[in-house]
């Protein structure tokens, strides 16, 4: 499985927005593009899709830009993946052949495990500054 560049860019942009969430700051596209090294033209498309999906909000005007629509703790990696990519484990195999049912069952288990892991990681975790230590209880 190979995740798309689009998804990587989306998470990097969201991490940038999550770092500014507590201050209520908006970020303009040019600023996010520079900080996260994302082509601005592509970032416009990504942020538009995330806005349509209710993950980010936008403010118009001279002081406008983008911000998270909900707190970073409320947005999981699974939410973003589902919006951006849909089902990552779209089955390409059937249950035919001697091993088909068993292989399909294993793919389903893998998907469940991946989705559970993606659900457990929030944007807050992605936004933690590198010099900040994370503590797990």
N, C-alpha and C. Protein backbone atom coordinates (compact mmCIF):
# COMPACT_ATOMS: atom_id res chain seq x y z
N UNK A 1 0.85 -1.16 0.00
CA UNK A 1 0.00 0.00 0.00
C UNK A 1 0.90 1.23 0.00
N UNK A 2 0.56 2.19 -0.84
CA UNK A 2 1.30 3.43 -0.92
C UNK A 2 0.33 4.58 -0.72
N UNK A 3 0.59 5.39 0.29
CA UNK A 3 -0.26 6.54 0.54
C UNK A 3 0.14 7.67 -0.40
N UNK A 4 -0.79 8.51 -0.74
CA UNK A 4 -0.56 9.55 -1.74
C UNK A 4 0.18 10.75 -1.17
N UNK A 5 0.82 11.49 -2.05
CA UNK A 5 1.47 12.75 -1.69
C UNK A 5 0.40 13.72 -1.19
N UNK A 6 -0.76 13.68 -1.81
CA UNK A 6 -1.87 14.55 -1.41
C UNK A 6 -2.20 14.35 0.07
N UNK A 7 -2.23 13.11 0.51
CA UNK A 7 -2.55 12.82 1.90
C UNK A 7 -1.44 13.32 2.82
N UNK A 8 -0.20 13.14 2.42
CA UNK A 8 0.93 13.65 3.19
C UNK A 8 0.84 15.17 3.33
N UNK A 9 0.59 15.85 2.23
CA UNK A 9 0.45 17.30 2.25
C UNK A 9 -0.72 17.73 3.14
N UNK A 10 -1.82 17.01 3.07
CA UNK A 10 -2.99 17.34 3.89
C UNK A 10 -2.64 17.27 5.37
N UNK A 11 -1.96 16.22 5.78
CA UNK A 11 -1.60 16.10 7.19
C UNK A 11 -0.59 17.15 7.62
N UNK A 12 0.35 17.50 6.76
CA UNK A 12 1.32 18.54 7.10
C UNK A 12 0.62 19.89 7.24
N UNK A 13 -0.30 20.21 6.34
CA UNK A 13 -1.05 21.46 6.44
C UNK A 13 -1.92 21.48 7.70
N UNK A 14 -2.56 20.35 8.01
CA UNK A 14 -3.40 20.28 9.21
C UNK A 14 -2.57 20.38 10.48
N UNK A 15 -1.37 19.82 10.48
CA UNK A 15 -0.49 19.95 11.65
C UNK A 15 -0.14 21.42 11.87
N UNK A 16 0.10 22.14 10.79
CA UNK A 16 0.39 23.58 10.87
C UNK A 16 -0.80 24.32 11.48
N UNK A 17 -2.00 24.02 10.99
CA UNK A 17 -3.21 24.67 11.53
C UNK A 17 -3.46 24.27 12.98
N UNK A 18 -3.17 23.04 13.32
CA UNK A 18 -3.39 22.56 14.69
C UNK A 18 -2.47 23.27 15.68
N UNK A 19 -1.25 23.57 15.26
CA UNK A 19 -0.33 24.27 16.15
C UNK A 19 -0.85 25.67 16.50
N UNK A 20 -1.69 26.24 15.67
CA UNK A 20 -2.21 27.60 15.89
C UNK A 20 -3.64 27.60 16.43
N UNK A 21 -4.20 26.44 16.63
CA UNK A 21 -5.60 26.36 17.02
C UNK A 21 -5.89 27.08 18.33
N UNK A 22 -5.08 26.88 19.35
CA UNK A 22 -5.38 27.45 20.66
C UNK A 22 -5.40 28.97 20.64
N UNK A 23 -4.64 29.58 19.75
CA UNK A 23 -4.64 31.03 19.65
C UNK A 23 -5.70 31.58 18.73
N UNK A 24 -6.43 30.69 18.06
CA UNK A 24 -7.47 31.11 17.14
C UNK A 24 -6.95 31.80 15.89
N UNK A 25 -5.67 31.60 15.61
CA UNK A 25 -5.04 32.24 14.46
C UNK A 25 -5.43 31.56 13.15
N UNK A 26 -5.61 32.37 12.13
CA UNK A 26 -5.81 31.83 10.79
C UNK A 26 -4.47 31.86 10.07
N UNK A 27 -4.32 30.97 9.10
CA UNK A 27 -3.10 30.90 8.29
C UNK A 27 -3.48 31.07 6.83
N UNK A 28 -2.73 31.89 6.14
CA UNK A 28 -2.97 32.03 4.70
C UNK A 28 -2.25 30.91 3.96
N UNK A 29 -2.69 30.64 2.78
CA UNK A 29 -2.14 29.55 1.98
C UNK A 29 -0.64 29.71 1.79
N UNK A 30 -0.21 30.91 1.47
CA UNK A 30 1.22 31.15 1.22
C UNK A 30 2.07 30.80 2.44
N UNK A 31 1.55 31.12 3.63
CA UNK A 31 2.28 30.83 4.87
C UNK A 31 2.38 29.32 5.11
N UNK A 32 1.27 28.63 4.96
CA UNK A 32 1.29 27.17 5.15
C UNK A 32 2.21 26.53 4.12
N UNK A 33 2.09 26.98 2.87
CA UNK A 33 2.91 26.42 1.80
C UNK A 33 4.40 26.58 2.09
N UNK A 34 4.77 27.74 2.61
CA UNK A 34 6.18 27.98 2.91
C UNK A 34 6.66 27.15 4.10
N UNK A 35 5.88 27.17 5.18
CA UNK A 35 6.26 26.44 6.40
C UNK A 35 6.38 24.94 6.13
N UNK A 36 5.41 24.39 5.41
CA UNK A 36 5.35 22.95 5.22
C UNK A 36 5.93 22.48 3.88
N UNK A 37 6.43 23.43 3.09
CA UNK A 37 7.04 23.10 1.80
C UNK A 37 6.09 22.31 0.89
N UNK A 38 4.92 22.92 0.69
CA UNK A 38 3.87 22.34 -0.15
C UNK A 38 3.60 23.32 -1.29
N UNK A 39 3.50 22.85 -2.52
CA UNK A 39 3.17 23.77 -3.61
C UNK A 39 1.82 24.46 -3.34
N UNK A 40 1.82 25.79 -3.39
CA UNK A 40 0.63 26.57 -3.05
C UNK A 40 -0.58 26.21 -3.91
N UNK A 41 -0.36 25.99 -5.21
CA UNK A 41 -1.48 25.66 -6.10
C UNK A 41 -2.14 24.35 -5.69
N UNK A 42 -1.35 23.39 -5.28
CA UNK A 42 -1.89 22.10 -4.85
C UNK A 42 -2.56 22.24 -3.48
N UNK A 43 -1.98 23.07 -2.62
CA UNK A 43 -2.52 23.28 -1.28
C UNK A 43 -3.93 23.88 -1.33
N UNK A 44 -4.17 24.76 -2.29
CA UNK A 44 -5.51 25.35 -2.47
C UNK A 44 -6.54 24.24 -2.66
N UNK A 45 -6.24 23.28 -3.51
CA UNK A 45 -7.17 22.18 -3.77
C UNK A 45 -7.39 21.33 -2.52
N UNK A 46 -6.30 21.04 -1.82
CA UNK A 46 -6.38 20.19 -0.63
C UNK A 46 -7.23 20.88 0.46
N UNK A 47 -6.94 22.16 0.71
CA UNK A 47 -7.69 22.88 1.74
C UNK A 47 -9.16 23.05 1.36
N UNK A 48 -9.44 23.19 0.10
CA UNK A 48 -10.83 23.28 -0.36
C UNK A 48 -11.57 21.98 -0.05
N UNK A 49 -10.93 20.86 -0.32
CA UNK A 49 -11.54 19.56 -0.03
C UNK A 49 -11.74 19.38 1.47
N UNK A 50 -10.76 19.78 2.27
CA UNK A 50 -10.87 19.67 3.72
C UNK A 50 -11.95 20.61 4.26
N UNK A 51 -12.11 21.77 3.64
CA UNK A 51 -13.17 22.70 4.04
C UNK A 51 -14.54 22.10 3.72
N UNK A 52 -14.68 21.55 2.53
CA UNK A 52 -15.95 20.92 2.14
C UNK A 52 -16.29 19.74 3.04
N UNK A 53 -15.27 19.08 3.58
CA UNK A 53 -15.48 17.95 4.47
C UNK A 53 -15.66 18.34 5.93
N UNK A 54 -15.62 19.63 6.23
CA UNK A 54 -15.86 20.09 7.59
C UNK A 54 -14.67 19.98 8.53
N UNK A 55 -13.48 19.77 7.98
CA UNK A 55 -12.30 19.65 8.84
C UNK A 55 -11.63 21.00 9.04
N UNK A 56 -11.62 21.83 8.03
CA UNK A 56 -11.11 23.19 8.18
C UNK A 56 -12.21 24.19 7.83
N UNK A 57 -12.01 25.40 8.31
CA UNK A 57 -12.91 26.51 7.99
C UNK A 57 -12.06 27.60 7.36
N UNK A 58 -12.70 28.47 6.61
CA UNK A 58 -11.97 29.56 5.99
C UNK A 58 -12.61 30.89 6.36
N UNK A 59 -11.78 31.92 6.41
CA UNK A 59 -12.25 33.28 6.66
C UNK A 59 -11.81 34.12 5.49
N UNK A 60 -12.74 34.90 4.98
CA UNK A 60 -12.44 35.76 3.83
C UNK A 60 -11.86 37.10 4.29
N UNK A 61 -11.30 37.79 3.33
CA UNK A 61 -10.85 39.15 3.59
C UNK A 61 -9.35 39.25 3.73
N UNK A 62 -8.92 40.47 3.97
CA UNK A 62 -7.50 40.78 4.07
C UNK A 62 -6.82 39.98 5.19
N UNK A 63 -7.50 39.81 6.28
CA UNK A 63 -6.96 39.05 7.42
C UNK A 63 -7.45 37.60 7.41
N UNK A 64 -7.91 37.14 6.26
CA UNK A 64 -8.48 35.81 6.15
C UNK A 64 -7.44 34.72 6.03
N UNK A 65 -7.95 33.53 5.95
CA UNK A 65 -7.10 32.35 5.83
C UNK A 65 -7.86 31.11 6.27
N UNK A 66 -7.13 30.13 6.72
CA UNK A 66 -7.71 28.85 7.11
C UNK A 66 -7.42 28.55 8.57
N UNK A 67 -8.32 27.81 9.19
CA UNK A 67 -8.16 27.34 10.55
C UNK A 67 -8.94 26.04 10.71
N UNK A 68 -8.65 25.31 11.75
CA UNK A 68 -9.37 24.06 11.98
C UNK A 68 -10.82 24.37 12.36
N UNK A 69 -11.73 23.55 11.88
CA UNK A 69 -13.14 23.72 12.19
C UNK A 69 -13.49 23.16 13.57
N UNK A 70 -12.68 22.24 14.05
CA UNK A 70 -12.86 21.64 15.38
C UNK A 70 -11.50 21.58 16.06
N UNK A 71 -11.49 21.25 17.32
CA UNK A 71 -10.22 21.17 18.04
C UNK A 71 -9.38 20.02 17.50
N UNK A 72 -8.06 20.13 17.60
CA UNK A 72 -7.18 19.07 17.08
C UNK A 72 -7.44 17.70 17.72
N UNK A 73 -7.91 17.71 18.96
CA UNK A 73 -8.21 16.44 19.65
C UNK A 73 -9.40 15.72 19.03
N UNK A 74 -10.27 16.48 18.37
CA UNK A 74 -11.49 15.91 17.81
C UNK A 74 -11.34 15.42 16.37
N UNK A 75 -10.18 15.65 15.77
CA UNK A 75 -9.97 15.25 14.38
C UNK A 75 -8.91 14.16 14.35
N UNK A 76 -9.31 12.98 13.90
CA UNK A 76 -8.37 11.86 13.85
C UNK A 76 -7.78 11.71 12.45
N UNK A 77 -6.70 10.98 12.39
CA UNK A 77 -6.11 10.68 11.08
C UNK A 77 -7.12 9.91 10.23
N UNK A 78 -7.93 9.08 10.86
CA UNK A 78 -8.93 8.31 10.12
C UNK A 78 -9.93 9.25 9.43
N UNK A 79 -10.33 10.32 10.12
CA UNK A 79 -11.27 11.29 9.54
C UNK A 79 -10.70 11.87 8.24
N UNK A 80 -9.44 12.25 8.28
CA UNK A 80 -8.80 12.89 7.13
C UNK A 80 -8.59 11.88 6.01
N UNK A 81 -8.16 10.69 6.35
CA UNK A 81 -7.95 9.65 5.34
C UNK A 81 -9.26 9.31 4.65
N UNK A 82 -10.32 9.15 5.43
CA UNK A 82 -11.63 8.81 4.85
C UNK A 82 -12.10 9.91 3.90
N UNK A 83 -11.87 11.16 4.27
CA UNK A 83 -12.29 12.27 3.43
C UNK A 83 -11.45 12.36 2.16
N UNK A 84 -10.16 12.21 2.33
CA UNK A 84 -9.24 12.42 1.22
C UNK A 84 -9.09 11.22 0.30
N UNK A 85 -9.04 10.04 0.87
CA UNK A 85 -8.73 8.84 0.10
C UNK A 85 -9.87 7.83 0.01
N UNK A 86 -10.82 7.94 0.91
CA UNK A 86 -11.86 6.92 0.95
C UNK A 86 -11.32 5.66 1.60
N UNK A 87 -11.71 4.54 1.10
CA UNK A 87 -11.30 3.24 1.63
C UNK A 87 -9.93 2.86 1.08
N UNK A 88 -8.92 2.84 1.96
CA UNK A 88 -7.57 2.50 1.51
C UNK A 88 -7.42 1.03 1.17
N UNK A 89 -8.29 0.20 1.70
CA UNK A 89 -8.18 -1.23 1.49
C UNK A 89 -9.26 -1.75 0.56
N UNK A 90 -9.54 -1.02 -0.49
CA UNK A 90 -10.54 -1.50 -1.43
C UNK A 90 -10.09 -2.87 -1.93
N UNK A 91 -10.95 -3.79 -1.75
CA UNK A 91 -10.60 -5.17 -2.09
C UNK A 91 -10.38 -5.35 -3.58
N UNK A 92 -9.24 -5.90 -3.92
CA UNK A 92 -8.93 -6.21 -5.31
C UNK A 92 -9.03 -7.71 -5.55
N UNK A 93 -9.27 -8.44 -4.47
CA UNK A 93 -9.38 -9.89 -4.61
C UNK A 93 -10.79 -10.32 -4.26
N UNK A 94 -11.15 -11.43 -4.80
CA UNK A 94 -12.43 -12.03 -4.46
C UNK A 94 -12.18 -13.19 -3.52
N UNK A 95 -13.21 -13.84 -3.17
CA UNK A 95 -13.09 -14.98 -2.29
C UNK A 95 -13.00 -16.27 -3.10
N UNK A 96 -12.60 -16.16 -4.36
CA UNK A 96 -12.54 -17.36 -5.18
C UNK A 96 -11.18 -18.05 -5.03
N UNK A 97 -11.11 -19.20 -5.55
CA UNK A 97 -9.88 -19.99 -5.43
C UNK A 97 -9.77 -20.62 -4.06
N UNK A 98 -8.82 -21.49 -3.92
CA UNK A 98 -8.64 -22.22 -2.67
C UNK A 98 -8.31 -21.30 -1.50
N UNK A 99 -7.54 -20.24 -1.76
CA UNK A 99 -7.09 -19.35 -0.68
C UNK A 99 -7.84 -18.02 -0.64
N UNK A 100 -8.73 -17.77 -1.57
CA UNK A 100 -9.38 -16.47 -1.68
C UNK A 100 -10.08 -16.01 -0.42
N UNK A 101 -10.85 -16.87 0.21
CA UNK A 101 -11.60 -16.48 1.40
C UNK A 101 -10.65 -16.14 2.54
N UNK A 102 -9.60 -16.93 2.68
CA UNK A 102 -8.64 -16.69 3.77
C UNK A 102 -7.88 -15.38 3.54
N UNK A 103 -7.47 -15.13 2.31
CA UNK A 103 -6.75 -13.89 1.99
C UNK A 103 -7.66 -12.69 2.23
N UNK A 104 -8.91 -12.77 1.79
CA UNK A 104 -9.86 -11.68 2.00
C UNK A 104 -10.08 -11.42 3.49
N UNK A 105 -10.13 -12.49 4.28
CA UNK A 105 -10.29 -12.36 5.73
C UNK A 105 -9.09 -11.64 6.35
N UNK A 106 -7.90 -11.96 5.89
CA UNK A 106 -6.69 -11.31 6.41
C UNK A 106 -6.65 -9.83 6.03
N UNK A 107 -7.06 -9.50 4.80
CA UNK A 107 -7.13 -8.10 4.39
C UNK A 107 -8.11 -7.35 5.28
N UNK A 108 -9.23 -7.96 5.60
CA UNK A 108 -10.24 -7.32 6.44
C UNK A 108 -9.69 -7.06 7.85
N UNK A 109 -8.94 -8.01 8.39
CA UNK A 109 -8.32 -7.83 9.71
C UNK A 109 -7.30 -6.71 9.67
N UNK A 110 -6.53 -6.65 8.61
CA UNK A 110 -5.53 -5.60 8.46
C UNK A 110 -6.21 -4.23 8.38
N UNK A 111 -7.30 -4.15 7.64
CA UNK A 111 -8.04 -2.90 7.52
C UNK A 111 -8.57 -2.46 8.89
N UNK A 112 -9.14 -3.38 9.63
CA UNK A 112 -9.66 -3.05 10.96
C UNK A 112 -8.56 -2.53 11.87
N UNK A 113 -7.41 -3.16 11.83
CA UNK A 113 -6.28 -2.75 12.65
C UNK A 113 -5.78 -1.36 12.24
N UNK A 114 -5.66 -1.14 10.94
CA UNK A 114 -5.22 0.16 10.43
C UNK A 114 -6.20 1.26 10.84
N UNK A 115 -7.49 1.01 10.66
CA UNK A 115 -8.50 2.01 10.99
C UNK A 115 -8.51 2.32 12.49
N UNK A 116 -8.33 1.31 13.31
CA UNK A 116 -8.28 1.54 14.76
C UNK A 116 -7.07 2.40 15.12
N UNK A 117 -5.93 2.12 14.51
CA UNK A 117 -4.73 2.92 14.77
C UNK A 117 -4.92 4.35 14.29
N UNK A 118 -5.46 4.51 13.09
CA UNK A 118 -5.67 5.85 12.53
C UNK A 118 -6.68 6.63 13.37
N UNK A 119 -7.67 5.96 13.94
CA UNK A 119 -8.65 6.62 14.79
C UNK A 119 -8.02 7.08 16.09
N UNK A 120 -6.99 6.39 16.56
CA UNK A 120 -6.38 6.71 17.85
C UNK A 120 -5.39 7.87 17.78
N UNK A 121 -5.04 8.32 16.58
CA UNK A 121 -4.08 9.42 16.43
C UNK A 121 -4.84 10.67 16.01
N UNK A 122 -4.74 11.70 16.84
CA UNK A 122 -5.43 12.96 16.54
C UNK A 122 -4.44 13.98 15.98
N UNK A 123 -4.98 15.05 15.46
CA UNK A 123 -4.13 16.13 14.95
C UNK A 123 -3.30 16.76 16.07
N UNK A 124 -3.78 16.65 17.29
CA UNK A 124 -3.01 17.18 18.42
C UNK A 124 -1.64 16.52 18.48
N UNK A 125 -1.62 15.21 18.25
CA UNK A 125 -0.36 14.48 18.27
C UNK A 125 0.55 14.92 17.12
N UNK A 126 -0.04 15.19 15.96
CA UNK A 126 0.75 15.64 14.82
C UNK A 126 1.30 17.03 15.03
N UNK A 127 0.61 17.83 15.83
CA UNK A 127 0.97 19.23 16.01
C UNK A 127 1.97 19.46 17.13
N UNK A 128 2.27 18.45 17.90
CA UNK A 128 3.21 18.63 19.00
C UNK A 128 4.56 19.04 18.45
N UNK A 129 5.07 20.13 18.97
CA UNK A 129 6.36 20.64 18.50
C UNK A 129 7.45 19.62 18.77
N UNK A 130 8.45 19.63 17.91
CA UNK A 130 9.53 18.65 18.03
C UNK A 130 10.25 18.74 19.36
N UNK A 131 10.37 19.95 19.90
CA UNK A 131 11.09 20.08 21.16
C UNK A 131 10.20 19.82 22.38
N UNK A 132 8.90 19.62 22.15
CA UNK A 132 8.01 19.26 23.24
C UNK A 132 8.03 17.75 23.42
N UNK A 133 8.02 17.32 24.65
CA UNK A 133 7.95 15.89 24.90
C UNK A 133 6.49 15.49 25.07
N UNK A 134 6.18 14.31 24.59
CA UNK A 134 4.83 13.79 24.75
C UNK A 134 4.84 12.80 25.91
N UNK A 135 3.84 12.90 26.76
CA UNK A 135 3.72 11.99 27.88
C UNK A 135 2.46 11.16 27.71
N UNK A 136 2.61 9.88 27.89
CA UNK A 136 1.48 8.99 27.76
C UNK A 136 1.12 8.46 29.14
N UNK A 137 -0.16 8.47 29.43
CA UNK A 137 -0.62 7.99 30.74
C UNK A 137 -1.33 6.68 30.54
